[in-house]
Amino acid sequence: MEASIMDGNKRRCSAVSSVTTVKNPISLARLVMEKSPHSYLAFSGAEEFGQGQVEIHKSKFEIYRVGREFEIHEIYNSNYMYFG
């Protein structure tokens, strides 16, 4: 999953992408903006940065686009969440 955040008053921004274990990627993007010199982190680097600081899922996710909707599949539990 991906997330980005901007703070117009302080002219700061950050983003994270390809995170699969973070429950709320926007929380991780805010953490990157507030507590690191970086503006973008991805993959395992983003997840390592967030360890112990943001909530982590017990299972990883994969996201698929099906028509105009996205499907989020939990890899280990086979549960599905749909949103459009």
Foldseek 3Di string as FASTA:
>chain_A
DKDKDADVVVGWIAMEDDDWWFPDRNQLQVCCGPPHPDRYYYDVRSVVVCVPPGDTHPFTWDWDDDPPKIWIAGPPPRDIDIDD
